[in-house]
């Protein structure tokens, strides 16, 4: 199966610190890839490199075979890579619907006007917020702000969705709802990279996992394979924050 996204030798240095070290992996069409590892292992930095939020020090990233390594974040978004953030970033002066419309306007398909509004309404319905578009962002519960951010990402009609700990901070009931929502996206055939600490979610959602420790890939395979790998177990158990 041809790769939608490819990383080859991708490295990020901050002065003398190597945050991501020679990362290699591919993501196939319609695949959900889990990017896992202890805190501080370089997972979010890797997403930042893919999305253009941080410049790559060395190595190459390609989307459907076209290099995107040196492109600014807005151009990478236009080409079809969209992401959520660990800390939800919504536009507080705009309504729920307007926040999601921004994804349609600035995303991969560049919708506008009524077309953007129609896409936004559809995506709000998909994430369970039908009829809530008029609300102010400040009126929402925590999980609903996450739903809005996800709807905004989906409104851009991306080729690849990057979810950076989207399930973090949810209570058990919300967690079940969140996993079901991501599973529905998977069943639609979306291509997703999931950075996540919730191992039950990794097991139930991911086709494959890449495991990072100290900026380096230490394992790759199915969730069952990597979670049984002695080096992966050691990486987690040897980290106080795992």
C-alpha atoms as a PDB file:
ATOM      1  CA  UNK A   1       0.000   0.000   0.000  1.00  0.00           C
ATOM      2  CA  UNK A   2       1.415   3.404  -0.944  1.00  0.00           C
ATOM      3  CA  UNK A   3       2.289   5.800   1.848  1.00  0.00           C
ATOM      4  CA  UNK A   4       0.269   8.977   2.303  1.00  0.00           C
ATOM      5  CA  UNK A   5       2.894  10.388   4.685  1.00  0.00           C
ATOM      6  CA  UNK A   6       6.584   9.451   4.924  1.00  0.00           C
ATOM      7  CA  UNK A   7       9.281  10.513   7.369  1.00  0.00           C
ATOM      8  CA  UNK A   8      12.921   9.770   6.560  1.00  0.00           C
ATOM      9  CA  UNK A   9      15.735  10.607   8.952  1.00  0.00           C
ATOM     10  CA  UNK A  10      13.683  13.401  10.521  1.00  0.00           C
ATOM     11  CA  UNK A  11      15.683  15.096  13.259  1.00  0.00           C
ATOM     12  CA  UNK A  12      14.996  18.109  15.486  1.00  0.00           C
ATOM     13  CA  UNK A  13      17.688  19.725  17.601  1.00  0.00           C
ATOM     14  CA  UNK A  14      17.222  22.477  20.164  1.00  0.00           C
ATOM     15  CA  UNK A  15      20.802  23.606  20.683  1.00  0.00           C
ATOM     16  CA  UNK A  16      22.610  20.566  22.069  1.00  0.00           C
ATOM     17  CA  UNK A  17      19.388  18.645  22.783  1.00  0.00           C
ATOM     18  CA  UNK A  18      18.214  16.154  20.146  1.00  0.00           C
ATOM     19  CA  UNK A  19      14.431  16.064  20.662  1.00  0.00           C
ATOM     20  CA  UNK A  20      13.711  13.840  17.648  1.00  0.00           C
ATOM     21  CA  UNK A  21      16.464  11.625  16.311  1.00  0.00           C
ATOM     22  CA  UNK A  22      16.413  10.216  12.738  1.00  0.00           C
ATOM     23  CA  UNK A  23      12.727   9.242  12.730  1.00  0.00           C
ATOM     24  CA  UNK A  24      11.596   6.945   9.913  1.00  0.00           C
ATOM     25  CA  UNK A  25       8.021   5.773   9.405  1.00  0.00           C
ATOM     26  CA  UNK A  26       5.250   5.663   6.814  1.00  0.00           C
ATOM     27  CA  UNK A  27       1.506   6.095   7.208  1.00  0.00           C
ATOM     28  CA  UNK A  28      -0.682   4.279   4.680  1.00  0.00           C
ATOM     29  CA  UNK A  29      -4.000   5.494   3.301  1.00  0.00           C
ATOM     30  CA  UNK A  30      -6.889   4.855   5.756  1.00  0.00           C
ATOM     31  CA  UNK A  31      -4.479   3.785   8.502  1.00  0.00           C
ATOM     32  CA  UNK A  32      -4.623   4.835  12.154  1.00  0.00           C
ATOM     33  CA  UNK A  33      -1.046   5.033  13.425  1.00  0.00           C
ATOM     34  CA  UNK A  34      -0.414   5.405  17.157  1.00  0.00           C
ATOM     35  CA  UNK A  35       2.634   7.436  18.163  1.00  0.00           C
ATOM     36  CA  UNK A  36       3.330   6.397  21.745  1.00  0.00           C
ATOM     37  CA  UNK A  37       6.045   6.561  24.376  1.00  0.00           C
ATOM     38  CA  UNK A  38       6.804   8.031  27.797  1.00  0.00           C
ATOM     39  CA  UNK A  39       6.460  11.756  28.483  1.00  0.00           C
ATOM     40  CA  UNK A  40       9.292  13.729  26.918  1.00  0.00           C
ATOM     41  CA  UNK A  41      10.006  11.097  24.276  1.00  0.00           C
ATOM     42  CA  UNK A  42       9.465  13.480  21.334  1.00  0.00           C
ATOM     43  CA  UNK A  43       5.934  12.546  20.194  1.00  0.00           C
ATOM     44  CA  UNK A  44       4.409  16.036  20.155  1.00  0.00           C
ATOM     45  CA  UNK A  45       7.611  17.445  18.669  1.00  0.00           C
ATOM     46  CA  UNK A  46       7.236  14.924  15.833  1.00  0.00           C
ATOM     47  CA  UNK A  47       3.676  16.160  15.200  1.00  0.00           C
ATOM     48  CA  UNK A  48       4.978  19.737  15.283  1.00  0.00           C
ATOM     49  CA  UNK A  49       7.525  18.836  12.597  1.00  0.00           C
ATOM     50  CA  UNK A  50       4.903  17.134  10.397  1.00  0.00           C
ATOM     51  CA  UNK A  51       2.476  20.070  10.710  1.00  0.00           C
ATOM     52  CA  UNK A  52       5.162  22.715  10.202  1.00  0.00           C
ATOM     53  CA  UNK A  53       4.767  24.259  13.660  1.00  0.00           C
ATOM     54  CA  UNK A  54       8.510  23.633  14.091  1.00  0.00           C
ATOM     55  CA  UNK A  55      11.179  23.556  11.354  1.00  0.00           C
ATOM     56  CA  UNK A  56      12.960  20.252  10.707  1.00  0.00           C
ATOM     57  CA  UNK A  57      16.712  20.320  11.480  1.00  0.00           C
ATOM     58  CA  UNK A  58      17.466  17.510   9.025  1.00  0.00           C
ATOM     59  CA  UNK A  59      15.672  14.723   7.173  1.00  0.00           C
ATOM     60  CA  UNK A  60      12.646  14.739   4.871  1.00  0.00           C
ATOM     61  CA  UNK A  61       8.854  14.595   5.207  1.00  0.00           C
ATOM     62  CA  UNK A  62       6.686  13.839   2.168  1.00  0.00           C
ATOM     63  CA  UNK A  63       2.914  13.969   1.634  1.00  0.00           C
ATOM     64  CA  UNK A  64       1.885  11.618  -1.184  1.00  0.00           C
ATOM     65  CA  UNK A  65       5.464  11.691  -2.440  1.00  0.00           C
ATOM     66  CA  UNK A  66       5.751  15.505  -2.521  1.00  0.00           C
ATOM     67  CA  UNK A  67       8.253  17.046  -0.098  1.00  0.00           C
ATOM     68  CA  UNK A  68       6.728  19.323   2.562  1.00  0.00           C
ATOM     69  CA  UNK A  69       9.788  19.567   4.828  1.00  0.00           C
ATOM     70  CA  UNK A  70      10.521  23.266   4.285  1.00  0.00           C
ATOM     71  CA  UNK A  71       6.953  24.526   3.876  1.00  0.00           C
ATOM     72  CA  UNK A  72       5.374  26.916   6.408  1.00  0.00           C
ATOM     73  CA  UNK A  73       2.538  25.548   8.562  1.00  0.00           C
ATOM     74  CA  UNK A  74      -0.233  27.275   6.579  1.00  0.00           C
ATOM     75  CA  UNK A  75       0.942  25.703   3.310  1.00  0.00           C
ATOM     76  CA  UNK A  76       1.110  22.250   4.925  1.00  0.00           C
ATOM     77  CA  UNK A  77      -2.469  22.750   6.180  1.00  0.00           C
ATOM     78  CA  UNK A  78      -3.555  23.754   2.656  1.00  0.00           C
ATOM     79  CA  UNK A  79      -2.036  20.541   1.305  1.00  0.00           C
ATOM     80  CA  UNK A  80      -4.172  18.515   3.669  1.00  0.00           C
ATOM     81  CA  UNK A  81      -2.512  17.944   7.055  1.00  0.00           C
ATOM     82  CA  UNK A  82      -4.654  19.160   9.961  1.00  0.00           C
ATOM     83  CA  UNK A  83      -4.145  18.814  13.695  1.00  0.00           C
ATOM     84  CA  UNK A  84      -5.525  19.270  17.162  1.00  0.00           C
ATOM     85  CA  UNK A  85      -3.378  20.549  20.051  1.00  0.00           C
ATOM     86  CA  UNK A  86      -2.718  19.246  23.570  1.00  0.00           C
ATOM     87  CA  UNK A  87      -4.178  22.488  24.880  1.00  0.00           C
ATOM     88  CA  UNK A  88      -7.356  23.272  22.941  1.00  0.00           C
ATOM     89  CA  UNK A  89      -6.948  26.408  20.841  1.00  0.00           C
ATOM     90  CA  UNK A  90     -10.273  27.965  19.910  1.00  0.00           C
ATOM     91  CA  UNK A  91     -11.108  31.537  18.902  1.00  0.00           C
ATOM     92  CA  UNK A  92     -13.000  32.894  21.952  1.00  0.00           C
ATOM     93  CA  UNK A  93     -14.517  35.911  20.193  1.00  0.00           C
ATOM     94  CA  UNK A  94     -16.235  33.675  17.623  1.00  0.00           C
ATOM     95  CA  UNK A  95     -19.223  31.342  17.942  1.00  0.00           C
ATOM     96  CA  UNK A  96     -18.915  27.557  17.794  1.00  0.00           C
ATOM     97  CA  UNK A  97     -20.067  27.572  14.149  1.00  0.00           C
ATOM     98  CA  UNK A  98     -17.645  30.358  13.181  1.00  0.00           C
ATOM     99  CA  UNK A  99     -14.759  28.461  14.791  1.00  0.00           C
ATOM    100  CA  UNK A 100     -15.556  25.411  12.670  1.00  0.00           C
ATOM    101  CA  UNK A 101     -16.090  27.506   9.526  1.00  0.00           C
ATOM    102  CA  UNK A 102     -12.539  28.808   9.963  1.00  0.00           C
ATOM    103  CA  UNK A 103     -11.352  25.245   9.383  1.00  0.00           C
ATOM    104  CA  UNK A 104     -13.320  25.076   6.116  1.00  0.00           C
ATOM    105  CA  UNK A 105     -12.032  28.466   4.925  1.00  0.00           C
ATOM    106  CA  UNK A 106      -8.354  27.923   5.739  1.00  0.00           C
ATOM    107  CA  UNK A 107      -8.173  24.153   5.252  1.00  0.00           C
ATOM    108  CA  UNK A 108      -7.387  21.853   2.352  1.00  0.00           C
ATOM    109  CA  UNK A 109     -10.491  22.587   0.231  1.00  0.00           C
ATOM    110  CA  UNK A 110     -10.776  26.363   0.895  1.00  0.00           C
ATOM    111  CA  UNK A 111     -14.562  26.542   1.191  1.00  0.00           C
ATOM    112  CA  UNK A 112     -16.247  29.942   1.534  1.00  0.00           C
ATOM    113  CA  UNK A 113     -19.589  31.511   2.437  1.00  0.00           C
ATOM    114  CA  UNK A 114     -22.626  29.215   2.442  1.00  0.00           C
ATOM    115  CA  UNK A 115     -20.469  26.289   1.348  1.00  0.00           C
ATOM    116  CA  UNK A 116     -18.172  26.719   4.368  1.00  0.00           C
ATOM    117  CA  UNK A 117     -21.183  27.038   6.660  1.00  0.00           C
ATOM    118  CA  UNK A 118     -22.754  23.848   5.273  1.00  0.00           C
ATOM    119  CA  UNK A 119     -19.522  21.891   5.800  1.00  0.00           C
ATOM    120  CA  UNK A 120     -19.204  23.310   9.332  1.00  0.00           C
ATOM    121  CA  UNK A 121     -22.785  22.329  10.240  1.00  0.00           C
ATOM    122  CA  UNK A 122     -22.181  18.797   8.934  1.00  0.00           C
ATOM    123  CA  UNK A 123     -18.993  18.444  10.988  1.00  0.00           C
ATOM    124  CA  UNK A 124     -20.662  19.769  14.160  1.00  0.00           C
ATOM    125  CA  UNK A 125     -23.325  17.113  13.671  1.00  0.00           C
ATOM    126  CA  UNK A 126     -20.644  14.457  13.185  1.00  0.00           C
ATOM    127  CA  UNK A 127     -18.910  15.282  16.483  1.00  0.00           C
ATOM    128  CA  UNK A 128     -22.198  15.403  18.423  1.00  0.00           C
ATOM    129  CA  UNK A 129     -22.753  19.184  18.550  1.00  0.00           C
ATOM    130  CA  UNK A 130     -25.723  19.582  16.186  1.00  0.00           C
ATOM    131  CA  UNK A 131     -27.751  22.667  17.075  1.00  0.00           C
ATOM    132  CA  UNK A 132     -24.960  24.174  19.203  1.00  0.00           C
ATOM    133  CA  UNK A 133     -23.342  26.362  16.519  1.00  0.00           C
ATOM    134  CA  UNK A 134     -24.799  29.576  17.938  1.00  0.00           C
ATOM    135  CA  UNK A 135     -23.140  29.083  21.327  1.00  0.00           C
ATOM    136  CA  UNK A 136     -20.116  31.003  22.552  1.00  0.00           C
ATOM    137  CA  UNK A 137     -16.970  28.949  23.100  1.00  0.00           C
ATOM    138  CA  UNK A 138     -16.937  30.017  26.763  1.00  0.00           C
ATOM    139  CA  UNK A 139     -20.275  28.246  27.377  1.00  0.00           C
ATOM    140  CA  UNK A 140     -18.891  24.811  26.472  1.00  0.00           C
ATOM    141  CA  UNK A 141     -17.744  21.951  28.684  1.00  0.00           C
ATOM    142  CA  UNK A 142     -14.158  20.728  28.314  1.00  0.00           C
ATOM    143  CA  UNK A 143     -15.012  17.765  26.077  1.00  0.00           C
ATOM    144  CA  UNK A 144     -17.224  19.970  23.913  1.00  0.00           C
ATOM    145  CA  UNK A 145     -14.343  22.402  23.303  1.00  0.00           C
ATOM    146  CA  UNK A 146     -12.383  19.357  22.117  1.00  0.00           C
ATOM    147  CA  UNK A 147     -15.287  18.379  19.866  1.00  0.00           C
ATOM    148  CA  UNK A 148     -15.301  21.887  18.340  1.00  0.00           C
ATOM    149  CA  UNK A 149     -11.567  21.712  17.691  1.00  0.00           C
ATOM    150  CA  UNK A 150     -11.992  18.299  16.047  1.00  0.00           C
ATOM    151  CA  UNK A 151     -14.909  19.579  13.934  1.00  0.00           C
ATOM    152  CA  UNK A 152     -12.734  22.508  12.818  1.00  0.00           C
ATOM    153  CA  UNK A 153      -9.983  20.095  11.765  1.00  0.00           C
ATOM    154  CA  UNK A 154     -12.471  17.910   9.848  1.00  0.00           C
ATOM    155  CA  UNK A 155     -14.061  20.945   8.152  1.00  0.00           C
ATOM    156  CA  UNK A 156     -10.787  21.453   6.296  1.00  0.00           C
ATOM    157  CA  UNK A 157     -11.333  18.022   4.659  1.00  0.00           C
ATOM    158  CA  UNK A 158      -7.753  16.948   5.402  1.00  0.00           C
ATOM    159  CA  UNK A 159      -5.892  13.990   3.937  1.00  0.00           C
ATOM    160  CA  UNK A 160      -4.130  13.323   7.250  1.00  0.00           C
ATOM    161  CA  UNK A 161      -5.455  14.136  10.752  1.00  0.00           C
ATOM    162  CA  UNK A 162      -2.976  14.570  13.625  1.00  0.00           C
ATOM    163  CA  UNK A 163      -4.564  14.115  17.075  1.00  0.00           C
ATOM    164  CA  UNK A 164      -2.248  15.258  19.872  1.00  0.00           C
ATOM    165  CA  UNK A 165      -3.513  13.625  23.097  1.00  0.00           C
ATOM    166  CA  UNK A 166      -7.095  14.417  22.127  1.00  0.00           C
ATOM    167  CA  UNK A 167      -8.403  12.089  24.849  1.00  0.00           C
ATOM    168  CA  UNK A 168      -6.318  13.650  27.659  1.00  0.00           C
ATOM    169  CA  UNK A 169      -8.219  15.066  30.629  1.00  0.00           C
ATOM    170  CA  UNK A 170     -11.519  13.341  29.916  1.00  0.00           C
ATOM    171  CA  UNK A 171     -13.485  11.550  32.635  1.00  0.00           C
ATOM    172  CA  UNK A 172     -14.340   7.843  32.065  1.00  0.00           C
ATOM    173  CA  UNK A 173     -17.705   8.559  30.405  1.00  0.00           C
ATOM    174  CA  UNK A 174     -16.228  11.251  28.147  1.00  0.00           C
ATOM    175  CA  UNK A 175     -13.339   8.932  27.336  1.00  0.00           C
ATOM    176  CA  UNK A 176     -15.759   6.309  26.015  1.00  0.00           C
ATOM    177  CA  UNK A 177     -17.486   8.963  23.907  1.00  0.00           C
ATOM    178  CA  UNK A 178     -14.124  10.236  22.638  1.00  0.00           C
ATOM    179  CA  UNK A 179     -12.904   6.774  21.644  1.00  0.00           C
ATOM    180  CA  UNK A 180     -16.218   6.112  19.853  1.00  0.00           C
ATOM    181  CA  UNK A 181     -15.834   9.380  17.954  1.00  0.00           C
ATOM    182  CA  UNK A 182     -12.304   8.548  16.791  1.00  0.00           C
ATOM    183  CA  UNK A 183     -13.440   5.010  15.906  1.00  0.00           C
ATOM    184  CA  UNK A 184     -16.163   6.520  13.694  1.00  0.00           C
ATOM    185  CA  UNK A 185     -13.498   8.577  11.895  1.00  0.00           C
ATOM    186  CA  UNK A 186     -11.415   5.421  11.431  1.00  0.00           C
ATOM    187  CA  UNK A 187     -14.453   3.577  10.053  1.00  0.00           C
ATOM    188  CA  UNK A 188     -14.935   6.419   7.546  1.00  0.00           C
ATOM    189  CA  UNK A 189     -11.486   5.564   6.213  1.00  0.00           C
ATOM    190  CA  UNK A 190      -9.628   8.646   7.443  1.00  0.00           C
ATOM    191  CA  UNK A 191      -5.851   8.606   7.815  1.00  0.00           C
ATOM    192  CA  UNK A 192      -4.926   9.473  11.410  1.00  0.00           C
ATOM    193  CA  UNK A 193      -1.793   9.806  13.543  1.00  0.00           C
ATOM    194  CA  UNK A 194      -2.728   9.529  17.195  1.00  0.00           C
ATOM    195  CA  UNK A 195      -0.407  10.659  20.001  1.00  0.00           C
ATOM    196  CA  UNK A 196      -1.937   9.109  23.078  1.00  0.00           C
ATOM    197  CA  UNK A 197      -1.207   7.831  26.607  1.00  0.00           C
ATOM    198  CA  UNK A 198      -4.523   5.977  27.016  1.00  0.00           C
ATOM    199  CA  UNK A 199      -3.455   2.419  26.197  1.00  0.00           C
ATOM    200  CA  UNK A 200      -6.997   1.031  25.942  1.00  0.00           C
ATOM    201  CA  UNK A 201      -7.608   3.597  23.195  1.00  0.00           C
ATOM    202  CA  UNK A 202      -4.352   2.655  21.454  1.00  0.00           C
ATOM    203  CA  UNK A 203      -5.300  -1.029  21.517  1.00  0.00           C
ATOM    204  CA  UNK A 204      -8.813  -0.478  20.183  1.00  0.00           C
ATOM    205  CA  UNK A 205      -8.142   2.266  17.622  1.00  0.00           C
ATOM    206  CA  UNK A 206      -4.694   1.766  16.079  1.00  0.00           C
ATOM    207  CA  UNK A 207      -3.668  -0.451  13.180  1.00  0.00           C
ATOM    208  CA  UNK A 208       0.017   0.082  13.963  1.00  0.00           C
ATOM    209  CA  UNK A 209       2.136   1.891  16.537  1.00  0.00           C
ATOM    210  CA  UNK A 210       5.480   3.641  16.464  1.00  0.00           C
ATOM    211  CA  UNK A 211       7.062   3.785  19.929  1.00  0.00           C
ATOM    212  CA  UNK A 212       9.455   6.597  20.855  1.00  0.00           C
ATOM    213  CA  UNK A 213      11.845   6.941  23.778  1.00  0.00           C
ATOM    214  CA  UNK A 214      14.285   9.847  24.221  1.00  0.00           C
ATOM    215  CA  UNK A 215      13.573  11.078  20.690  1.00  0.00           C
ATOM    216  CA  UNK A 216      14.307   7.750  19.003  1.00  0.00           C
ATOM    217  CA  UNK A 217      12.040   5.092  17.506  1.00  0.00           C
ATOM    218  CA  UNK A 218      12.476   1.939  19.590  1.00  0.00           C
ATOM    219  CA  UNK A 219       9.671  -0.240  18.170  1.00  0.00           C
ATOM    220  CA  UNK A 220       7.094  -0.430  15.391  1.00  0.00           C
ATOM    221  CA  UNK A 221       4.270  -2.916  14.809  1.00  0.00           C
ATOM    222  CA  UNK A 222       0.728  -3.754  15.857  1.00  0.00           C
ATOM    223  CA  UNK A 223      -0.375  -2.513  19.294  1.00  0.00           C
ATOM    224  CA  UNK A 224      -0.165  -6.083  20.659  1.00  0.00           C
ATOM    225  CA  UNK A 225       3.376  -6.529  19.302  1.00  0.00           C
ATOM    226  CA  UNK A 226       4.833  -3.269  20.574  1.00  0.00           C
ATOM    227  CA  UNK A 227       3.156  -3.381  23.989  1.00  0.00           C
ATOM    228  CA  UNK A 228       4.675  -6.831  24.566  1.00  0.00           C
ATOM    229  CA  UNK A 229       8.147  -5.685  23.469  1.00  0.00           C
ATOM    230  CA  UNK A 230      10.594  -5.827  26.432  1.00  0.00           C
ATOM    231  CA  UNK A 231      12.318  -2.603  25.322  1.00  0.00           C
ATOM    232  CA  UNK A 232       8.981  -0.772  25.206  1.00  0.00           C
ATOM    233  CA  UNK A 233       7.999  -2.096  28.652  1.00  0.00           C
ATOM    234  CA  UNK A 234      11.383  -0.990  29.993  1.00  0.00           C
ATOM    235  CA  UNK A 235      10.976   2.483  28.468  1.00  0.00           C
ATOM    236  CA  UNK A 236       7.616   2.945  30.177  1.00  0.00           C
ATOM    237  CA  UNK A 237       8.463   1.385  33.530  1.00  0.00           C
ATOM    238  CA  UNK A 238      11.747   3.271  33.676  1.00  0.00           C
ATOM    239  CA  UNK A 239       9.936   6.620  33.322  1.00  0.00           C
ATOM    240  CA  UNK A 240       8.262   8.130  36.389  1.00  0.00           C
ATOM    241  CA  UNK A 241       5.698   9.934  34.220  1.00  0.00           C
ATOM    242  CA  UNK A 242       4.700   7.037  31.980  1.00  0.00           C
END
